[in-house]
Amino acid sequence: MQGDSRTHQTVRAPRVMLYSHDTFGLGHLRRCRALAAAITQADSSASALILTGSPVAGRFTFPRRVDHVRLPGVTKRADGSYVSQTMGMGIDEVTNLRSDLICSAAKRYDPDILIVDKEPTGFRGELRPTLEMLLSKGRASLVLGLRDVLDEPEVLAAEWARKDAVTATERFYHEIWVYGLRSVYDPTAGLPLSDAVHARMHWTGYLRRDLGPLGAPPPQPYVLITPGGGGDGEAMVNLVLSAYEQDPELSPRAVLVYGPFLSGETRAEFERRVAALNGRVTAVGFESQIETLFAGAEGVVCMGGYNTFCEVLSFDKRAVIVPRTMPRLEQWIRASRAEELGLVRMLDESRDGLTAGSMIRAIRNLPNQPLPSQAIGDGLLDGLDYVTRRVEALLRGAKDQAAE
């Protein structure tokens, strides 16, 4: 019977599980979705299951053979603490529930590869039981995926020490994938990782975005304004609207995507201001196929999140990035390095000032900026191809091991 089981395991279709700890925003889910789409497209027999805490996961379309499990949601408060979105449950209770659901899904799905996004032990350590279980079974390859920038080295080192993340990375993960290039930025700088862990690191390049056929864009020309998920995009949206209000000749018109987390009274006030601009700015709430809007835009004004940056590069769009600097410097670090490399223009608060005048100048200068493709070097956008090659190698290695 044991021999039959091993034979069945070696010939079954590959299964890849992706863990996205999302508590707020869209970044982790969108990155996992892009990875799952590429993996299943490269191997027509493979399936992928994404575990996510994103409250808007159900509003996305997923490729064929890709599905998701929605974990109970949590919200980060202004003081950095978390609160459950589930009525009647404290944060410890909901974390334990999430942990049990993750472990149960992993047992039933029995992945060949687990790809963990950013957090080595998951939200509040919820992933540890699943990592222990999969490591003890010895069949799944465990991969930690890191975006190109995490935070300032000193801040990140303190955070990882508090979460015991270095120990977990050393113990659990067979490979670490960095979705960027070392020549651009090293997100692990300052972390006390061993030589053995560094030997298991792969620099994939950025994750090129191409999620299927594009729809018809809005009437052109236009500048796309996107604050990502929108939860921290109020200041940038206000700046853009102020620019169009103060300069009646500012062109081309703007298409604003609020994002699903920019809502309530703030959104209502923005809607009033958009209406008063009489078509020079139009707005939509949430666009799950934002690739269509990117493709048709003359330029982009955005924040500095990883996914938006990948879209700017992938669609070769002149961009002005207005990075947030709180609660972490991730976006500012990415934008400043990208500007140094000639990929984008950054609107920096200390250097340029975040005023309507500085935004007017930035939008007017967009046509004079070089295209990102004029500065993109070898391997910069090869991330998805690199990942699919690593998946193939890990699956092949598991088959070879099972056959021995």
Protein backbone atom coordinates (compact mmCIF):
# COMPACT_ATOMS: atom_id res chain seq x y z
CA MET A 1 0.00 0.00 0.00
CA GLN A 2 2.83 2.40 0.81
CA GLY A 3 4.36 1.79 -2.62
CA ASP A 4 1.03 2.49 -4.32
CA SER A 5 0.71 5.76 -2.36
CA ARG A 6 4.16 6.95 -3.41
CA THR A 7 3.42 6.08 -7.04
CA HIS A 8 0.17 8.03 -6.87
CA GLN A 9 1.95 11.04 -5.39
CA THR A 10 4.60 11.12 -8.12
CA VAL A 11 2.14 11.09 -11.02
CA ARG A 12 -0.61 13.38 -9.71
CA ALA A 13 -0.93 16.90 -11.10
CA PRO A 14 1.29 19.46 -9.34
CA ARG A 15 -0.25 21.52 -6.55
CA VAL A 16 1.08 24.88 -5.44
CA MET A 17 -0.23 26.66 -2.35
CA LEU A 18 0.40 30.38 -1.84
CA TYR A 19 -0.03 32.11 1.52
CA SER A 20 -0.85 35.82 1.57
CA HIS A 21 -1.23 37.22 5.08
CA ASP A 22 -3.12 40.35 3.88
CA THR A 23 -4.60 42.39 6.64
CA PHE A 24 -5.13 45.54 4.59
CA GLY A 25 -4.55 46.62 1.02
CA LEU A 26 -4.15 44.59 -2.14
CA GLY A 27 -0.41 44.13 -2.59
CA HIS A 28 0.16 40.63 -1.25
CA LEU A 29 -2.93 39.14 -2.88
CA ARG A 30 -2.15 40.70 -6.28
CA ARG A 31 1.41 39.40 -6.15
CA CYS A 32 0.22 35.88 -5.27
CA ARG A 33 -2.39 36.06 -8.03
CA ALA A 34 0.26 37.00 -10.60
CA LEU A 35 2.51 34.15 -9.45
CA ALA A 36 -0.33 31.61 -9.50
CA ALA A 37 -1.38 32.70 -12.99
CA ALA A 38 2.16 32.33 -14.34
CA ILE A 39 2.71 28.94 -12.68
CA THR A 40 -0.52 27.42 -13.99
CA GLN A 41 0.01 28.91 -17.43
CA ALA A 42 3.51 27.44 -17.65
CA ASP A 43 2.26 23.98 -16.55
CA SER A 44 -1.21 23.20 -17.92
CA SER A 45 -1.65 20.38 -15.40
CA ALA A 46 -0.78 22.41 -12.29
CA SER A 47 -3.27 23.99 -9.89
CA ALA A 48 -2.78 26.74 -7.34
CA LEU A 49 -4.62 27.60 -4.13
CA ILE A 50 -4.19 31.04 -2.55
CA LEU A 51 -4.86 31.53 1.15
CA THR A 52 -5.60 35.20 1.78
CA GLY A 53 -7.00 37.51 4.41
CA SER A 54 -7.84 40.23 1.90
CA PRO A 55 -11.40 41.52 2.40
CA VAL A 56 -11.77 42.10 -1.36
CA ALA A 57 -10.46 38.75 -2.61
CA GLY A 58 -13.91 37.82 -3.89
CA ARG A 59 -13.97 40.83 -6.21
CA PHE A 60 -11.05 39.53 -8.26
CA THR A 61 -11.27 37.08 -11.10
CA PHE A 62 -8.87 34.17 -10.88
CA PRO A 63 -7.40 32.20 -13.79
CA ARG A 64 -8.53 28.68 -14.55
CA ARG A 65 -7.06 26.15 -12.08
CA VAL A 66 -6.44 28.90 -9.53
CA ASP A 67 -8.73 29.27 -6.52
CA HIS A 68 -8.58 30.97 -3.14
CA VAL A 69 -9.59 30.46 0.47
CA ARG A 70 -10.64 33.62 2.29
CA LEU A 71 -9.33 33.74 5.86
CA PRO A 72 -11.22 35.74 8.52
CA GLY A 73 -10.20 39.37 8.25
CA VAL A 74 -8.24 41.59 10.61
CA THR A 75 -7.58 45.32 10.51
CA LYS A 76 -4.47 47.24 11.54
CA ARG A 77 -5.21 50.22 13.77
CA ALA A 78 -3.34 53.52 13.80
CA ASP A 79 -1.26 52.47 16.83
CA GLY A 80 0.00 49.37 14.99
CA SER A 81 -2.17 46.87 16.85
CA TYR A 82 -4.70 44.61 15.15
CA VAL A 83 -8.39 44.04 15.66
CA SER A 84 -10.60 41.28 14.32
CA GLN A 85 -13.13 42.09 11.62
CA THR A 86 -15.19 39.16 12.89
CA MET A 87 -17.83 40.19 15.40
CA GLY A 88 -17.54 38.61 18.81
CA MET A 89 -13.98 37.34 18.40
CA GLY A 90 -10.84 38.77 19.93
CA ILE A 91 -7.61 39.00 17.97
CA ASP A 92 -6.15 35.87 19.63
CA GLU A 93 -9.29 33.90 18.84
CA VAL A 94 -9.37 34.94 15.19
CA THR A 95 -5.63 34.27 14.81
CA ASN A 96 -6.11 30.75 16.13
CA LEU A 97 -9.07 30.25 13.79
CA ARG A 98 -7.03 31.45 10.81
CA SER A 99 -4.15 29.18 11.84
CA ASP A 100 -6.43 26.14 12.07
CA LEU A 101 -7.98 26.90 8.67
CA ILE A 102 -4.54 27.24 7.05
CA CYS A 103 -3.33 23.97 8.54
CA SER A 104 -6.51 22.13 7.55
CA ALA A 105 -6.29 23.44 3.99
CA ALA A 106 -2.65 22.39 3.74
CA LYS A 107 -3.45 18.90 4.99
CA ARG A 108 -6.30 18.41 2.51
CA TYR A 109 -4.68 20.13 -0.48
CA ASP A 110 -1.30 18.51 0.28
CA PRO A 111 0.79 20.97 -1.78
CA ASP A 112 3.99 20.08 -3.57
CA ILE A 113 5.19 23.65 -3.03
CA LEU A 114 4.18 26.28 -0.48
CA ILE A 115 5.07 29.88 -1.37
CA VAL A 116 4.82 32.26 1.58
CA ASP A 117 4.58 35.98 0.87
CA LYS A 118 6.79 38.27 2.99
CA GLU A 119 6.07 37.02 6.52
CA PRO A 120 8.18 33.93 7.41
CA THR A 121 5.79 32.81 10.16
CA GLY A 122 2.64 34.49 8.87
CA PHE A 123 0.38 36.95 10.64
CA ARG A 124 1.13 36.77 14.39
CA GLY A 125 2.85 33.42 13.86
CA GLU A 126 -0.28 31.75 12.48
CA LEU A 127 1.69 29.83 9.85
CA ARG A 128 4.01 27.98 12.26
CA PRO A 129 1.82 24.87 12.75
CA THR A 130 1.49 24.46 8.98
CA LEU A 131 5.23 24.90 8.44
CA GLU A 132 5.96 22.34 11.17
CA MET A 133 3.49 19.89 9.65
CA LEU A 134 4.76 20.21 6.08
CA LEU A 135 8.40 20.10 7.15
CA SER A 136 7.82 16.93 9.18
CA LYS A 137 6.08 15.24 6.23
CA GLY A 138 9.11 16.11 4.13
CA ARG A 139 7.32 16.22 0.77
CA ALA A 140 6.57 19.88 0.10
CA SER A 141 9.17 22.45 -0.88
CA LEU A 142 8.82 25.53 1.33
CA VAL A 143 9.59 28.87 -0.31
CA LEU A 144 9.70 32.35 1.22
CA GLY A 145 8.98 35.11 -1.31
CA LEU A 146 10.21 38.62 -0.52
CA ARG A 147 9.43 41.81 -2.42
CA ASP A 148 12.34 43.99 -3.55
CA VAL A 149 12.14 46.36 -0.56
CA LEU A 150 10.86 45.56 2.93
CA ASP A 151 11.94 48.51 5.08
CA GLU A 152 14.98 50.35 6.38
CA PRO A 153 17.61 47.76 7.40
CA GLU A 154 17.62 48.78 11.08
CA VAL A 155 13.83 48.82 11.35
CA LEU A 156 13.51 45.49 9.55
CA ALA A 157 16.16 43.84 11.74
CA ALA A 158 14.27 44.86 14.87
CA GLU A 159 10.96 43.64 13.43
CA TRP A 160 12.38 40.25 12.42
CA ALA A 161 14.07 39.84 15.81
CA ARG A 162 10.75 40.51 17.55
CA LYS A 163 8.98 37.91 15.38
CA ASP A 164 11.86 35.39 15.54
CA ALA A 165 11.69 35.49 11.75
CA VAL A 166 15.39 34.86 11.15
CA THR A 167 15.24 31.57 13.06
CA ALA A 168 12.12 30.55 11.14
CA THR A 169 13.72 31.39 7.79
CA GLU A 170 16.80 29.37 8.68
CA ARG A 171 14.78 26.38 9.82
CA PHE A 172 11.80 26.06 7.52
CA TYR A 173 12.57 27.38 4.06
CA HIS A 174 14.27 25.44 1.31
CA GLU A 175 14.50 28.53 -0.92
CA ILE A 176 14.10 32.29 -0.60
CA TRP A 177 12.95 34.18 -3.71
CA VAL A 178 13.51 37.93 -3.90
CA TYR A 179 11.20 39.52 -6.47
CA GLY A 180 13.77 42.05 -7.61
CA LEU A 181 17.47 42.39 -8.40
CA ARG A 182 20.33 42.70 -5.96
CA SER A 183 21.76 45.49 -8.15
CA VAL A 184 18.64 47.57 -7.46
CA TYR A 185 18.21 46.88 -3.74
CA ASP A 186 18.88 44.12 -1.21
CA PRO A 187 15.86 43.79 1.12
CA THR A 188 17.78 41.46 3.44
CA ALA A 189 20.60 43.94 4.12
CA GLY A 190 20.98 44.23 7.88
CA LEU A 191 19.43 40.84 8.64
CA PRO A 192 21.71 38.33 10.42
CA LEU A 193 21.06 35.53 7.92
CA SER A 194 23.57 32.69 7.69
CA ASP A 195 25.68 31.86 4.66
CA ALA A 196 23.50 28.76 4.22
CA VAL A 197 20.39 30.92 3.82
CA HIS A 198 22.15 33.28 1.41
CA ALA A 199 23.09 30.24 -0.66
CA ARG A 200 19.39 29.37 -0.93
CA MET A 201 18.41 32.84 -2.17
CA HIS A 202 17.27 33.47 -5.73
CA TRP A 203 16.99 36.96 -7.23
CA THR A 204 14.16 36.56 -9.70
CA GLY A 205 13.77 40.05 -11.12
CA TYR A 206 10.52 42.01 -10.95
CA LEU A 207 7.22 40.31 -11.74
CA ARG A 208 6.06 41.40 -15.19
CA ARG A 209 2.29 41.94 -15.39
CA ASP A 210 0.21 40.49 -18.19
CA LEU A 211 -2.98 38.93 -16.93
CA GLY A 212 -4.76 38.10 -20.12
CA PRO A 213 -6.52 40.08 -22.86
CA LEU A 214 -7.03 43.80 -22.35
CA GLY A 215 -10.40 45.53 -22.63
CA ALA A 216 -11.17 48.82 -24.36
CA PRO A 217 -9.62 51.79 -22.52
CA PRO A 218 -11.56 54.98 -21.76
CA PRO A 219 -11.46 57.82 -24.31
CA GLN A 220 -7.87 58.93 -24.79
CA PRO A 221 -5.64 60.77 -24.03
CA TYR A 222 -5.61 60.54 -20.24
CA VAL A 223 -3.28 60.27 -17.24
CA LEU A 224 -4.02 57.36 -14.91
CA ILE A 225 -4.15 58.25 -11.20
CA THR A 226 -3.94 55.21 -8.94
CA PRO A 227 -3.33 55.06 -5.18
CA GLY A 228 -3.30 51.24 -5.24
CA GLY A 229 -5.76 49.88 -2.69
CA GLY A 230 -6.55 53.44 -1.69
CA GLY A 231 -6.43 53.04 2.06
CA ASP A 232 -3.45 55.36 2.41
CA GLY A 233 -3.92 57.29 -0.83
CA GLU A 234 -5.98 60.25 0.42
CA ALA A 235 -3.08 62.73 0.35
CA MET A 236 -2.03 61.83 -3.20
CA VAL A 237 -5.59 61.99 -4.57
CA ASN A 238 -6.10 65.36 -2.87
CA LEU A 239 -2.89 66.63 -4.46
CA VAL A 240 -3.97 65.61 -7.96
CA LEU A 241 -7.45 67.11 -7.62
CA SER A 242 -5.92 70.34 -6.26
CA ALA A 243 -3.64 70.50 -9.30
CA TYR A 244 -6.55 70.26 -11.75
CA GLU A 245 -8.59 72.73 -9.69
CA GLN A 246 -5.82 75.33 -9.61
CA ASP A 247 -4.74 74.99 -13.25
CA PRO A 248 -7.72 75.02 -15.65
CA GLU A 249 -5.34 74.38 -18.58
CA LEU A 250 -3.76 71.25 -17.09
CA SER A 251 -3.99 68.36 -19.54
CA PRO A 252 -4.56 65.66 -20.51
CA ARG A 253 -7.56 64.74 -18.43
CA ALA A 254 -7.16 62.33 -15.53
CA VAL A 255 -8.78 58.96 -14.88
CA LEU A 256 -8.77 58.33 -11.14
CA VAL A 257 -9.12 54.86 -9.59
CA TYR A 258 -9.94 55.32 -5.91
CA GLY A 259 -9.20 51.76 -4.84
CA PRO A 260 -11.54 49.65 -2.70
CA PHE A 261 -10.29 51.04 0.63
CA LEU A 262 -10.78 54.75 -0.05
CA SER A 263 -14.38 55.25 1.03
CA GLY A 264 -16.77 56.99 3.37
CA GLU A 265 -16.84 60.76 3.84
CA THR A 266 -13.42 61.19 2.23
CA ARG A 267 -14.56 59.50 -0.96
CA ALA A 268 -17.81 61.48 -0.98
CA GLU A 269 -15.91 64.76 -0.79
CA PHE A 270 -13.58 63.65 -3.58
CA GLU A 271 -16.62 62.75 -5.70
CA ARG A 272 -17.99 66.26 -5.20
CA ARG A 273 -14.70 67.79 -6.33
CA VAL A 274 -14.44 65.45 -9.35
CA ALA A 275 -17.96 66.41 -10.46
CA ALA A 276 -17.07 70.11 -10.23
CA LEU A 277 -14.16 69.57 -12.67
CA ASN A 278 -16.67 68.85 -15.46
CA GLY A 279 -15.02 65.83 -17.05
CA ARG A 280 -11.40 66.94 -16.73
CA VAL A 281 -11.13 64.24 -14.05
CA THR A 282 -13.27 61.10 -14.06
CA ALA A 283 -13.24 58.46 -11.36
CA VAL A 284 -14.04 54.82 -10.72
CA GLY A 285 -14.12 52.99 -7.42
CA PHE A 286 -12.32 49.71 -7.94
CA GLU A 287 -10.98 48.26 -11.14
CA SER A 288 -9.89 44.63 -10.81
CA GLN A 289 -8.62 44.73 -14.41
CA ILE A 290 -6.56 47.87 -13.96
CA GLU A 291 -4.18 46.57 -16.63
CA THR A 292 -6.57 47.93 -19.29
CA LEU A 293 -6.35 51.42 -17.79
CA PHE A 294 -2.55 51.18 -17.61
CA ALA A 295 -2.29 50.09 -21.23
CA GLY A 296 -4.26 53.09 -22.54
CA ALA A 297 -2.70 55.79 -20.35
CA GLU A 298 -0.26 58.44 -21.58
CA GLY A 299 1.32 58.51 -18.14
CA VAL A 300 0.71 57.48 -14.55
CA VAL A 301 0.64 59.23 -11.19
CA CYS A 302 0.79 56.66 -8.42
CA MET A 303 2.11 55.67 -5.04
CA GLY A 304 5.17 53.48 -4.75
CA GLY A 305 3.77 50.03 -3.99
CA TYR A 306 5.45 46.96 -5.47
CA ASN A 307 2.62 45.90 -7.75
CA THR A 308 1.97 49.35 -9.18
CA PHE A 309 5.71 49.75 -9.83
CA CYS A 310 5.72 46.43 -11.71
CA GLU A 311 2.78 47.64 -13.81
CA VAL A 312 4.53 50.91 -14.64
CA LEU A 313 7.55 48.94 -15.90
CA SER A 314 5.52 46.22 -17.62
CA PHE A 315 3.37 48.66 -19.59
CA ASP A 316 6.34 50.99 -20.15
CA LYS A 317 4.58 54.08 -18.82
CA ARG A 318 6.10 57.40 -17.85
CA ALA A 319 5.29 57.74 -14.17
CA VAL A 320 5.37 60.16 -11.27
CA ILE A 321 5.54 58.28 -7.97
CA VAL A 322 4.36 59.92 -4.75
CA PRO A 323 5.62 57.46 -2.12
CA ARG A 324 4.24 57.19 1.37
CA THR A 325 6.78 57.45 4.20
CA MET A 326 4.62 56.09 7.03
CA PRO A 327 4.40 53.58 8.66
CA ARG A 328 7.49 52.34 6.76
CA LEU A 329 9.90 53.76 4.18
CA GLU A 330 9.47 50.89 1.71
CA GLN A 331 7.81 52.99 -1.01
CA TRP A 332 10.25 55.88 -0.65
CA ILE A 333 13.26 53.56 -0.90
CA ARG A 334 11.85 51.89 -4.02
CA ALA A 335 10.93 55.20 -5.68
CA SER A 336 14.26 56.85 -4.93
CA ARG A 337 16.23 53.91 -6.34
CA ALA A 338 13.98 53.80 -9.40
CA GLU A 339 14.53 57.51 -9.98
CA GLU A 340 18.30 57.07 -9.66
CA LEU A 341 18.10 54.38 -12.34
CA GLY A 342 16.07 56.63 -14.66
CA LEU A 343 12.93 54.48 -14.51
CA VAL A 344 10.49 56.97 -12.97
CA ARG A 345 10.23 60.47 -11.52
CA MET A 346 9.59 60.82 -7.79
CA LEU A 347 7.71 63.62 -6.08
CA ASP A 348 9.59 63.88 -2.81
CA GLU A 349 8.15 65.88 0.07
CA SER A 350 11.45 67.23 1.37
CA ARG A 351 12.95 67.96 -2.07
CA ASP A 352 9.95 69.00 -4.18
CA GLY A 353 7.24 69.80 -1.67
CA LEU A 354 3.86 68.13 -1.85
CA THR A 355 1.90 71.08 -3.22
CA ALA A 356 -0.57 71.59 -6.04
CA GLY A 357 2.17 73.52 -7.87
CA SER A 358 4.65 70.65 -7.68
CA MET A 359 1.99 68.22 -8.94
CA ILE A 360 1.06 70.55 -11.82
CA ARG A 361 4.71 70.71 -12.89
CA ALA A 362 5.09 66.93 -12.58
CA ILE A 363 2.02 66.19 -14.75
CA ARG A 364 3.02 68.81 -17.33
CA ASN A 365 6.51 67.30 -17.52
CA LEU A 366 5.31 63.70 -17.97
CA PRO A 367 5.64 63.77 -21.80
CA ASN A 368 9.29 64.85 -21.44
CA GLN A 369 10.28 61.94 -19.23
CA PRO A 370 12.13 59.02 -20.80
CA LEU A 371 10.21 55.76 -21.05
CA PRO A 372 11.18 53.12 -18.48
CA SER A 373 12.24 50.83 -21.35
CA GLN A 374 15.08 53.24 -22.10
CA ALA A 375 16.62 52.39 -18.70
CA ILE A 376 15.50 48.79 -18.13
CA GLY A 377 18.47 46.43 -18.00
CA ASP A 378 18.79 42.70 -18.53
CA GLY A 379 16.73 40.56 -16.19
CA LEU A 380 14.83 43.41 -14.55
CA LEU A 381 11.39 42.10 -15.58
CA ASP A 382 12.16 38.38 -15.75
CA GLY A 383 10.63 37.48 -12.39
CA LEU A 384 7.70 35.33 -13.52
CA ASP A 385 9.84 33.36 -15.98
CA TYR A 386 12.42 32.77 -13.26
CA VAL A 387 9.74 31.64 -10.80
CA THR A 388 8.18 29.16 -13.22
CA ARG A 389 11.65 27.68 -13.89
CA ARG A 390 12.23 27.29 -10.14
CA VAL A 391 8.81 25.65 -9.71
CA GLU A 392 9.65 23.21 -12.48
CA ALA A 393 13.03 22.44 -10.88
CA LEU A 394 11.51 21.88 -7.43
CA LEU A 395 8.82 19.58 -8.82
CA ARG A 396 11.37 17.68 -10.85
CA GLY A 397 13.59 17.32 -7.78
CA ALA A 398 10.69 15.96 -5.75
CA LYS A 399 9.91 13.37 -8.44
CA ASP A 400 13.53 12.29 -8.62
CA GLN A 401 13.67 11.94 -4.84
CA ALA A 402 10.45 9.91 -4.76
CA ALA A 403 11.79 7.57 -7.42
CA GLU A 404 14.95 6.76 -5.44
